[in-house]
Amino acid sequence: MRYFIEFAYHGKNYFGYQIQPGQITVQEVFEKALSTILRSDIKITGAGRTDSGVHAKKIFAHFDLDSDIPQNLVYRLNSFLPNDIAAKNVFKVTNDAHARFDATFRTYEYIVSLEKNPFLNDFSWQIINRTLDLERMNEACKILFEFEDFTSFSKLHTDNKTNNCKIYLAEWTKTGTELKFNVSADRFLRNMVRAIVGTMIEIGNGKISIEDFRDIIEAKDRGKAGTSAPPQGLFLVDVGYDFEQILLD
């Protein structure tokens, strides 16, 4: 039987989500906890893979088990897991349901703090004593909807079969001294959101123009875009599925 599990994590102490040789990762820690509780060698397949230092407020993974799960699995998992990983929910799905390939959208947010704030060190990019033009940054957001090939914002030398993505939402908002970039798409490339944010900050501070931004995307060249924003400001906040199609009673 196949199960989906929803969880969240603070990414500071992990070398990303996906298992890496010689490094501590979210997947490794989660699999060890599940395997211990269920007394079986459990492997999970996540909805995506976040980079080192990136956080997830809501992510799903699937795993297979030959028997029913205990009713208190979430409670027991949270007793085993460290404080920076939290299990939220678990439910039975069809045997062909896939946490990665069945996802219909993913949504990220990126936080920029415009003041020095020790309580946001782990959760934002702190850009101090600089004025950013939010209106111009949102003009750049509109350009994203004109394109599907985002090679210019992709990590180099990946195994992607295509660099095409369909962006549904892209918007900057400001609350007090905090800027938030929300972006949603059917899929994302490695490092894509951080590369977009880093480039848009250069638009906001006047280093590049709106037309430069369009030219960067059309160039399909990572070297043309700005430096990637640091990882600690990035959060995966939602992953969508057609649950009517994959859930079992």
C-alpha atoms as a PDB file:
ATOM      1  CA  MET A   1       0.000   0.000   0.000  1.00  0.00           C
ATOM      2  CA  ARG A   2       1.139   3.522  -0.733  1.00  0.00           C
ATOM      3  CA  TYR A   3       0.932   6.466   1.646  1.00  0.00           C
ATOM      4  CA  PHE A   4       1.431  10.213   1.346  1.00  0.00           C
ATOM      5  CA  ILE A   5       2.964  12.041   4.271  1.00  0.00           C
ATOM      6  CA  GLU A   6       2.902  15.808   4.785  1.00  0.00           C
ATOM      7  CA  PHE A   7       5.727  17.414   6.738  1.00  0.00           C
ATOM      8  CA  ALA A   8       7.703  20.622   7.267  1.00  0.00           C
ATOM      9  CA  TYR A   9      11.316  21.454   8.097  1.00  0.00           C
ATOM     10  CA  HIS A  10      13.772  24.182   9.018  1.00  0.00           C
ATOM     11  CA  GLY A  11      16.573  23.663   6.509  1.00  0.00           C
ATOM     12  CA  LYS A  12      19.505  25.329   8.301  1.00  0.00           C
ATOM     13  CA  ASN A  13      21.076  22.129   9.627  1.00  0.00           C
ATOM     14  CA  TYR A  14      20.652  20.046   6.466  1.00  0.00           C
ATOM     15  CA  PHE A  15      22.513  19.638   3.206  1.00  0.00           C
ATOM     16  CA  GLY A  16      19.215  19.954   1.385  1.00  0.00           C
ATOM     17  CA  TYR A  17      16.322  17.517   1.166  1.00  0.00           C
ATOM     18  CA  GLN A  18      17.756  14.727  -0.991  1.00  0.00           C
ATOM     19  CA  ILE A  19      20.168  12.105   0.348  1.00  0.00           C
ATOM     20  CA  GLN A  20      23.792  13.033  -0.340  1.00  0.00           C
ATOM     21  CA  PRO A  21      26.847  10.867   0.429  1.00  0.00           C
ATOM     22  CA  GLY A  22      28.574  11.964   3.613  1.00  0.00           C
ATOM     23  CA  GLN A  23      26.054  14.714   4.395  1.00  0.00           C
ATOM     24  CA  ILE A  24      23.053  14.951   6.713  1.00  0.00           C
ATOM     25  CA  THR A  25      19.826  15.524   4.786  1.00  0.00           C
ATOM     26  CA  VAL A  26      16.110  15.765   5.544  1.00  0.00           C
ATOM     27  CA  GLN A  27      15.331  12.623   3.544  1.00  0.00           C
ATOM     28  CA  GLU A  28      17.887  10.553   5.440  1.00  0.00           C
ATOM     29  CA  VAL A  29      16.623  11.647   8.859  1.00  0.00           C
ATOM     30  CA  PHE A  30      12.974  11.120   7.882  1.00  0.00           C
ATOM     31  CA  GLU A  31      13.610   7.661   6.422  1.00  0.00           C
ATOM     32  CA  LYS A  32      15.457   6.543   9.555  1.00  0.00           C
ATOM     33  CA  ALA A  33      12.573   7.638  11.755  1.00  0.00           C
ATOM     34  CA  LEU A  34       9.955   5.922   9.578  1.00  0.00           C
ATOM     35  CA  SER A  35      12.005   2.741   9.291  1.00  0.00           C
ATOM     36  CA  THR A  36      12.475   2.540  13.058  1.00  0.00           C
ATOM     37  CA  ILE A  37       8.788   3.015  13.849  1.00  0.00           C
ATOM     38  CA  LEU A  38       7.438   0.769  11.079  1.00  0.00           C
ATOM     39  CA  ARG A  39      10.196  -1.858  11.497  1.00  0.00           C
ATOM     40  CA  SER A  40      10.804  -1.941   7.783  1.00  0.00           C
ATOM     41  CA  ASP A  41      13.305  -0.398   5.375  1.00  0.00           C
ATOM     42  CA  ILE A  42      11.313   2.643   4.258  1.00  0.00           C
ATOM     43  CA  LYS A  43      12.324   4.852   1.336  1.00  0.00           C
ATOM     44  CA  ILE A  44      10.441   8.083   0.659  1.00  0.00           C
ATOM     45  CA  THR A  45       9.999   9.954  -2.617  1.00  0.00           C
ATOM     46  CA  GLY A  46       9.557  13.682  -2.124  1.00  0.00           C
ATOM     47  CA  ALA A  47       7.545  16.209  -4.091  1.00  0.00           C
ATOM     48  CA  GLY A  48      10.788  18.022  -4.825  1.00  0.00           C
ATOM     49  CA  ARG A  49      14.284  18.591  -3.553  1.00  0.00           C
ATOM     50  CA  THR A  50      15.286  21.763  -1.763  1.00  0.00           C
ATOM     51  CA  ASP A  51      18.879  22.969  -1.618  1.00  0.00           C
ATOM     52  CA  SER A  52      21.055  23.276   1.461  1.00  0.00           C
ATOM     53  CA  GLY A  53      19.608  25.792   3.917  1.00  0.00           C
ATOM     54  CA  VAL A  54      16.202  26.083   2.202  1.00  0.00           C
ATOM     55  CA  HIS A  55      13.058  25.522   4.285  1.00  0.00           C
ATOM     56  CA  ALA A  56       9.714  23.825   3.660  1.00  0.00           C
ATOM     57  CA  LYS A  57       6.489  24.839   5.353  1.00  0.00           C
ATOM     58  CA  LYS A  58       4.524  22.214   3.433  1.00  0.00           C
ATOM     59  CA  ILE A  59       5.922  19.314   1.440  1.00  0.00           C
ATOM     60  CA  PHE A  60       4.739  15.792   0.672  1.00  0.00           C
ATOM     61  CA  ALA A  61       6.451  12.475   0.110  1.00  0.00           C
ATOM     62  CA  HIS A  62       5.171   8.979  -0.613  1.00  0.00           C
ATOM     63  CA  PHE A  63       6.284   5.603   0.717  1.00  0.00           C
ATOM     64  CA  ASP A  64       5.149   1.995   0.389  1.00  0.00           C
ATOM     65  CA  LEU A  65       4.334  -0.475   3.159  1.00  0.00           C
ATOM     66  CA  ASP A  66       2.967  -4.019   3.081  1.00  0.00           C
ATOM     67  CA  SER A  67       0.644  -3.413   6.023  1.00  0.00           C
ATOM     68  CA  ASP A  68      -1.549  -0.719   7.507  1.00  0.00           C
ATOM     69  CA  ILE A  69       0.199   2.112   9.305  1.00  0.00           C
ATOM     70  CA  PRO A  70      -0.413   2.635  13.037  1.00  0.00           C
ATOM     71  CA  GLN A  71      -3.062   5.248  13.799  1.00  0.00           C
ATOM     72  CA  ASN A  72      -0.634   7.264  15.916  1.00  0.00           C
ATOM     73  CA  LEU A  73       2.124   7.364  13.295  1.00  0.00           C
ATOM     74  CA  VAL A  74       2.315  11.169  13.141  1.00  0.00           C
ATOM     75  CA  TYR A  75       2.582  11.414  16.940  1.00  0.00           C
ATOM     76  CA  ARG A  76       5.288   8.745  17.079  1.00  0.00           C
ATOM     77  CA  LEU A  77       7.197  10.280  14.193  1.00  0.00           C
ATOM     78  CA  ASN A  78       7.321  13.627  15.937  1.00  0.00           C
ATOM     79  CA  SER A  79       8.708  11.912  19.005  1.00  0.00           C
ATOM     80  CA  PHE A  80      11.562  10.467  16.909  1.00  0.00           C
ATOM     81  CA  LEU A  81      12.244  13.400  14.634  1.00  0.00           C
ATOM     82  CA  PRO A  82      14.472  16.320  15.666  1.00  0.00           C
ATOM     83  CA  ASN A  83      12.864  19.643  16.516  1.00  0.00           C
ATOM     84  CA  ASP A  84      13.565  21.077  13.055  1.00  0.00           C
ATOM     85  CA  ILE A  85      11.445  18.477  11.212  1.00  0.00           C
ATOM     86  CA  ALA A  86       7.714  18.036  11.875  1.00  0.00           C
ATOM     87  CA  ALA A  87       5.291  15.422  10.525  1.00  0.00           C
ATOM     88  CA  LYS A  88       1.845  16.901   9.837  1.00  0.00           C
ATOM     89  CA  ASN A  89      -0.417  14.271   8.287  1.00  0.00           C
ATOM     90  CA  VAL A  90      -0.420  10.868   6.626  1.00  0.00           C
ATOM     91  CA  PHE A  91      -3.042   9.281   4.378  1.00  0.00           C
ATOM     92  CA  LYS A  92      -3.515   6.322   2.082  1.00  0.00           C
ATOM     93  CA  VAL A  93      -3.410   6.914  -1.682  1.00  0.00           C
ATOM     94  CA  THR A  94      -3.727   4.829  -4.833  1.00  0.00           C
ATOM     95  CA  ASN A  95      -0.759   2.580  -5.548  1.00  0.00           C
ATOM     96  CA  ASP A  96       0.264   4.618  -8.581  1.00  0.00           C
ATOM     97  CA  ALA A  97       0.082   8.023  -6.850  1.00  0.00           C
ATOM     98  CA  HIS A  98       3.413   9.840  -7.023  1.00  0.00           C
ATOM     99  CA  ALA A  99       4.436  12.721  -4.757  1.00  0.00           C
ATOM    100  CA  ARG A 100       6.620  14.300  -7.427  1.00  0.00           C
ATOM    101  CA  PHE A 101       4.998  13.544 -10.760  1.00  0.00           C
ATOM    102  CA  ASP A 102       1.370  13.985  -9.658  1.00  0.00           C
ATOM    103  CA  ALA A 103       1.950  17.466  -8.233  1.00  0.00           C
ATOM    104  CA  THR A 104      -0.010  20.048 -10.214  1.00  0.00           C
ATOM    105  CA  PHE A 105       1.758  23.092  -8.778  1.00  0.00           C
ATOM    106  CA  ARG A 106       4.380  24.173  -6.283  1.00  0.00           C
ATOM    107  CA  THR A 107       4.500  27.514  -4.499  1.00  0.00           C
ATOM    108  CA  TYR A 108       7.531  29.205  -2.990  1.00  0.00           C
ATOM    109  CA  GLU A 109       8.008  32.386  -1.026  1.00  0.00           C
ATOM    110  CA  TYR A 110      11.208  34.333  -0.557  1.00  0.00           C
ATOM    111  CA  ILE A 111      11.694  36.763   2.344  1.00  0.00           C
ATOM    112  CA  VAL A 112      13.860  39.886   2.211  1.00  0.00           C
ATOM    113  CA  SER A 113      14.367  41.924   5.389  1.00  0.00           C
ATOM    114  CA  LEU A 114      15.192  45.597   4.889  1.00  0.00           C
ATOM    115  CA  GLU A 115      16.559  45.940   8.409  1.00  0.00           C
ATOM    116  CA  LYS A 116      19.080  44.065  10.525  1.00  0.00           C
ATOM    117  CA  ASN A 117      17.016  41.620  12.547  1.00  0.00           C
ATOM    118  CA  PRO A 118      18.734  38.890  14.590  1.00  0.00           C
ATOM    119  CA  PHE A 119      15.470  36.950  14.761  1.00  0.00           C
ATOM    120  CA  LEU A 120      15.310  36.653  10.971  1.00  0.00           C
ATOM    121  CA  ASN A 121      18.908  35.551  10.356  1.00  0.00           C
ATOM    122  CA  ASP A 122      17.788  32.011   9.495  1.00  0.00           C
ATOM    123  CA  PHE A 123      14.714  33.059   7.528  1.00  0.00           C
ATOM    124  CA  SER A 124      15.542  36.011   5.287  1.00  0.00           C
ATOM    125  CA  TRP A 125      18.055  37.795   3.099  1.00  0.00           C
ATOM    126  CA  GLN A 126      18.869  40.961   5.015  1.00  0.00           C
ATOM    127  CA  ILE A 127      19.435  43.866   2.620  1.00  0.00           C
ATOM    128  CA  ILE A 128      20.217  46.908   4.746  1.00  0.00           C
ATOM    129  CA  ASN A 129      20.536  50.604   3.839  1.00  0.00           C
ATOM    130  CA  ARG A 130      19.375  50.066   0.281  1.00  0.00           C
ATOM    131  CA  THR A 131      16.232  51.307  -1.436  1.00  0.00           C
ATOM    132  CA  LEU A 132      14.460  48.798  -3.673  1.00  0.00           C
ATOM    133  CA  ASP A 133      11.869  49.846  -6.256  1.00  0.00           C
ATOM    134  CA  LEU A 134       9.025  47.407  -5.593  1.00  0.00           C
ATOM    135  CA  GLU A 135       6.982  48.719  -8.535  1.00  0.00           C
ATOM    136  CA  ARG A 136       9.775  47.915 -10.999  1.00  0.00           C
ATOM    137  CA  MET A 137      10.279  44.503  -9.450  1.00  0.00           C
ATOM    138  CA  ASN A 138       6.587  43.744  -9.979  1.00  0.00           C
ATOM    139  CA  GLU A 139       6.845  44.942 -13.575  1.00  0.00           C
ATOM    140  CA  ALA A 140       9.557  42.317 -14.006  1.00  0.00           C
ATOM    141  CA  CYS A 141       7.196  39.708 -12.537  1.00  0.00           C
ATOM    142  CA  LYS A 142       4.780  40.297 -15.424  1.00  0.00           C
ATOM    143  CA  ILE A 143       7.519  39.426 -17.918  1.00  0.00           C
ATOM    144  CA  LEU A 144       7.853  35.954 -16.403  1.00  0.00           C
ATOM    145  CA  PHE A 145       4.383  35.102 -17.740  1.00  0.00           C
ATOM    146  CA  GLU A 146       5.580  35.694 -21.306  1.00  0.00           C
ATOM    147  CA  PHE A 147       8.028  32.777 -21.210  1.00  0.00           C
ATOM    148  CA  GLU A 148       8.231  29.060 -20.527  1.00  0.00           C
ATOM    149  CA  ASP A 149      11.966  28.366 -21.017  1.00  0.00           C
ATOM    150  CA  PHE A 150      13.837  29.504 -17.906  1.00  0.00           C
ATOM    151  CA  THR A 151      17.301  28.156 -18.703  1.00  0.00           C
ATOM    152  CA  SER A 152      18.776  31.501 -17.632  1.00  0.00           C
ATOM    153  CA  PHE A 153      17.651  30.798 -14.063  1.00  0.00           C
ATOM    154  CA  SER A 154      18.593  27.114 -13.926  1.00  0.00           C
ATOM    155  CA  LYS A 155      21.511  25.541 -12.115  1.00  0.00           C
ATOM    156  CA  LEU A 156      24.126  24.460 -14.658  1.00  0.00           C
ATOM    157  CA  HIS A 157      24.848  20.824 -15.573  1.00  0.00           C
ATOM    158  CA  THR A 158      21.598  19.293 -14.336  1.00  0.00           C
ATOM    159  CA  ASP A 159      19.862  16.264 -15.833  1.00  0.00           C
ATOM    160  CA  ASN A 160      16.670  18.148 -16.767  1.00  0.00           C
ATOM    161  CA  LYS A 161      15.002  16.893 -19.938  1.00  0.00           C
ATOM    162  CA  THR A 162      13.416  20.332 -20.369  1.00  0.00           C
ATOM    163  CA  ASN A 163      13.818  23.754 -18.799  1.00  0.00           C
ATOM    164  CA  ASN A 164      10.208  24.701 -19.543  1.00  0.00           C
ATOM    165  CA  CYS A 165       7.972  25.777 -16.663  1.00  0.00           C
ATOM    166  CA  LYS A 166       4.520  27.349 -16.554  1.00  0.00           C
ATOM    167  CA  ILE A 167       4.415  30.174 -14.006  1.00  0.00           C
ATOM    168  CA  TYR A 168       0.957  30.868 -12.539  1.00  0.00           C
ATOM    169  CA  LEU A 169       1.798  33.514  -9.927  1.00  0.00           C
ATOM    170  CA  ALA A 170       4.701  35.918  -9.384  1.00  0.00           C
ATOM    171  CA  GLU A 171       4.365  38.915  -7.089  1.00  0.00           C
ATOM    172  CA  TRP A 172       6.311  41.054  -4.609  1.00  0.00           C
ATOM    173  CA  THR A 173       4.555  42.494  -1.545  1.00  0.00           C
ATOM    174  CA  LYS A 174       5.783  44.650   1.322  1.00  0.00           C
ATOM    175  CA  THR A 175       4.778  44.600   4.975  1.00  0.00           C
ATOM    176  CA  GLY A 176       6.686  47.019   7.166  1.00  0.00           C
ATOM    177  CA  THR A 177      10.377  46.303   6.595  1.00  0.00           C
ATOM    178  CA  GLU A 178       9.766  42.895   5.007  1.00  0.00           C
ATOM    179  CA  LEU A 179       9.510  42.103   1.311  1.00  0.00           C
ATOM    180  CA  LYS A 180       7.972  38.819   0.193  1.00  0.00           C
ATOM    181  CA  PHE A 181       8.197  37.246  -3.260  1.00  0.00           C
ATOM    182  CA  ASN A 182       5.500  34.656  -3.992  1.00  0.00           C
ATOM    183  CA  VAL A 183       5.840  32.447  -7.044  1.00  0.00           C
ATOM    184  CA  SER A 184       3.834  29.420  -8.170  1.00  0.00           C
ATOM    185  CA  ALA A 185       4.412  27.152 -11.175  1.00  0.00           C
ATOM    186  CA  ASP A 186       3.775  23.647 -12.429  1.00  0.00           C
ATOM    187  CA  ARG A 187       7.468  22.868 -11.805  1.00  0.00           C
ATOM    188  CA  PHE A 188      10.699  24.622 -10.911  1.00  0.00           C
ATOM    189  CA  LEU A 189      14.272  24.154 -12.037  1.00  0.00           C
ATOM    190  CA  ARG A 190      17.161  23.727  -9.628  1.00  0.00           C
ATOM    191  CA  ASN A 191      18.052  27.104  -8.108  1.00  0.00           C
ATOM    192  CA  MET A 192      15.376  28.825 -10.225  1.00  0.00           C
ATOM    193  CA  VAL A 193      13.619  30.881  -7.541  1.00  0.00           C
ATOM    194  CA  ARG A 194      16.839  32.075  -5.940  1.00  0.00           C
ATOM    195  CA  ALA A 195      18.229  33.083  -9.350  1.00  0.00           C
ATOM    196  CA  ILE A 196      15.055  35.014 -10.181  1.00  0.00           C
ATOM    197  CA  VAL A 197      15.103  36.771  -6.802  1.00  0.00           C
ATOM    198  CA  GLY A 198      18.776  37.694  -7.112  1.00  0.00           C
ATOM    199  CA  THR A 199      18.159  39.149 -10.569  1.00  0.00           C
ATOM    200  CA  MET A 200      15.045  41.048  -9.471  1.00  0.00           C
ATOM    201  CA  ILE A 201      16.930  42.644  -6.598  1.00  0.00           C
ATOM    202  CA  GLU A 202      19.275  44.074  -9.220  1.00  0.00           C
ATOM    203  CA  ILE A 203      16.207  45.492 -10.974  1.00  0.00           C
ATOM    204  CA  GLY A 204      15.001  46.958  -7.689  1.00  0.00           C
ATOM    205  CA  ASN A 205      18.278  48.730  -7.007  1.00  0.00           C
ATOM    206  CA  GLY A 206      18.596  50.000 -10.573  1.00  0.00           C
ATOM    207  CA  LYS A 207      21.514  47.876 -11.748  1.00  0.00           C
ATOM    208  CA  ILE A 208      19.546  46.359 -14.611  1.00  0.00           C
ATOM    209  CA  SER A 209      16.449  47.487 -16.485  1.00  0.00           C
ATOM    210  CA  ILE A 210      13.123  45.804 -17.202  1.00  0.00           C
ATOM    211  CA  GLU A 211      14.190  45.264 -20.819  1.00  0.00           C
ATOM    212  CA  ASP A 212      17.485  43.791 -19.577  1.00  0.00           C
ATOM    213  CA  PHE A 213      15.414  41.272 -17.632  1.00  0.00           C
ATOM    214  CA  ARG A 214      13.548  40.222 -20.770  1.00  0.00           C
ATOM    215  CA  ASP A 215      16.857  39.918 -22.643  1.00  0.00           C
ATOM    216  CA  ILE A 216      18.262  37.735 -19.849  1.00  0.00           C
ATOM    217  CA  ILE A 217      15.406  35.266 -20.164  1.00  0.00           C
ATOM    218  CA  GLU A 218      15.603  35.214 -23.960  1.00  0.00           C
ATOM    219  CA  ALA A 219      19.362  34.544 -23.816  1.00  0.00           C
ATOM    220  CA  LYS A 220      18.811  31.136 -22.144  1.00  0.00           C
ATOM    221  CA  ASP A 221      22.194  31.603 -20.471  1.00  0.00           C
ATOM    222  CA  ARG A 222      22.661  31.351 -16.689  1.00  0.00           C
ATOM    223  CA  GLY A 223      25.704  33.598 -16.956  1.00  0.00           C
ATOM    224  CA  LYS A 224      23.505  36.516 -18.025  1.00  0.00           C
ATOM    225  CA  ALA A 225      21.318  36.494 -14.894  1.00  0.00           C
ATOM    226  CA  GLY A 226      22.147  37.876 -11.465  1.00  0.00           C
ATOM    227  CA  THR A 227      23.748  36.100  -8.524  1.00  0.00           C
ATOM    228  CA  SER A 228      21.457  33.684  -6.697  1.00  0.00           C
ATOM    229  CA  ALA A 229      19.835  34.945  -3.524  1.00  0.00           C
ATOM    230  CA  PRO A 230      21.044  33.172  -0.354  1.00  0.00           C
ATOM    231  CA  PRO A 231      19.135  30.013   0.608  1.00  0.00           C
ATOM    232  CA  GLN A 232      17.857  30.923   4.064  1.00  0.00           C
ATOM    233  CA  GLY A 233      15.174  33.282   2.716  1.00  0.00           C
ATOM    234  CA  LEU A 234      13.500  30.594   0.605  1.00  0.00           C
ATOM    235  CA  PHE A 235      10.514  28.506   1.686  1.00  0.00           C
ATOM    236  CA  LEU A 236       8.516  25.849  -0.145  1.00  0.00           C
ATOM    237  CA  VAL A 237       5.035  26.719   1.113  1.00  0.00           C
ATOM    238  CA  ASP A 238       2.634  24.519  -0.845  1.00  0.00           C
ATOM    239  CA  VAL A 239       2.392  21.569  -3.232  1.00  0.00           C
ATOM    240  CA  GLY A 240      -0.906  20.873  -4.996  1.00  0.00           C
ATOM    241  CA  TYR A 241      -2.542  17.604  -6.064  1.00  0.00           C
ATOM    242  CA  ASP A 242      -5.846  16.451  -7.445  1.00  0.00           C
ATOM    243  CA  PHE A 243      -6.623  14.596  -4.238  1.00  0.00           C
ATOM    244  CA  GLU A 244      -9.967  13.353  -5.571  1.00  0.00           C
ATOM    245  CA  GLN A 245      -7.968  11.233  -8.006  1.00  0.00           C
ATOM    246  CA  ILE A 246      -5.331   9.803  -5.648  1.00  0.00           C
ATOM    247  CA  LEU A 247      -6.926   9.492  -2.190  1.00  0.00           C
ATOM    248  CA  LEU A 248      -8.305   6.213  -0.879  1.00  0.00           C
ATOM    249  CA  ASP A 249     -10.959   6.036   1.850  1.00  0.00           C
END
